[in-house]
Amino acid sequence: MRIDMIRTDGSRWRGEPIRYDRESNTIILRERRVGSRNDWVAIGPGLGLTADGKVWNWDTERLGQYREGQLIPSRFRSKVVADLSVTAR
């Protein structure tokens, strides 16, 4: 399970659970920053919206590809799938 989140500065982060702390009833995450943008306003499973009105899609396939019994992880890829910005006329 991966958890995508937006920090208050607009940056996007991904957390992966690494252990469960029974004493505090908390899941401990390993967090890493994804990309360098600081204008994320909303994210969901595999989709995100930036302040400029662009809708982004990223590869959420966790399994990757198999080759000779070895798991080869997928590389992270992002691409714009829609532009919702309004252009003044």
Foldseek 3Di string as FASTA:
>chain_A
DKDWDADPQQWIKIWDFDDADPVVRDTDTDMDTDDDDRFWDDDDVQWTAGPQQWIKGWDPDQQDDDDPNDTDGDDIDMDTDDGGHDDDD
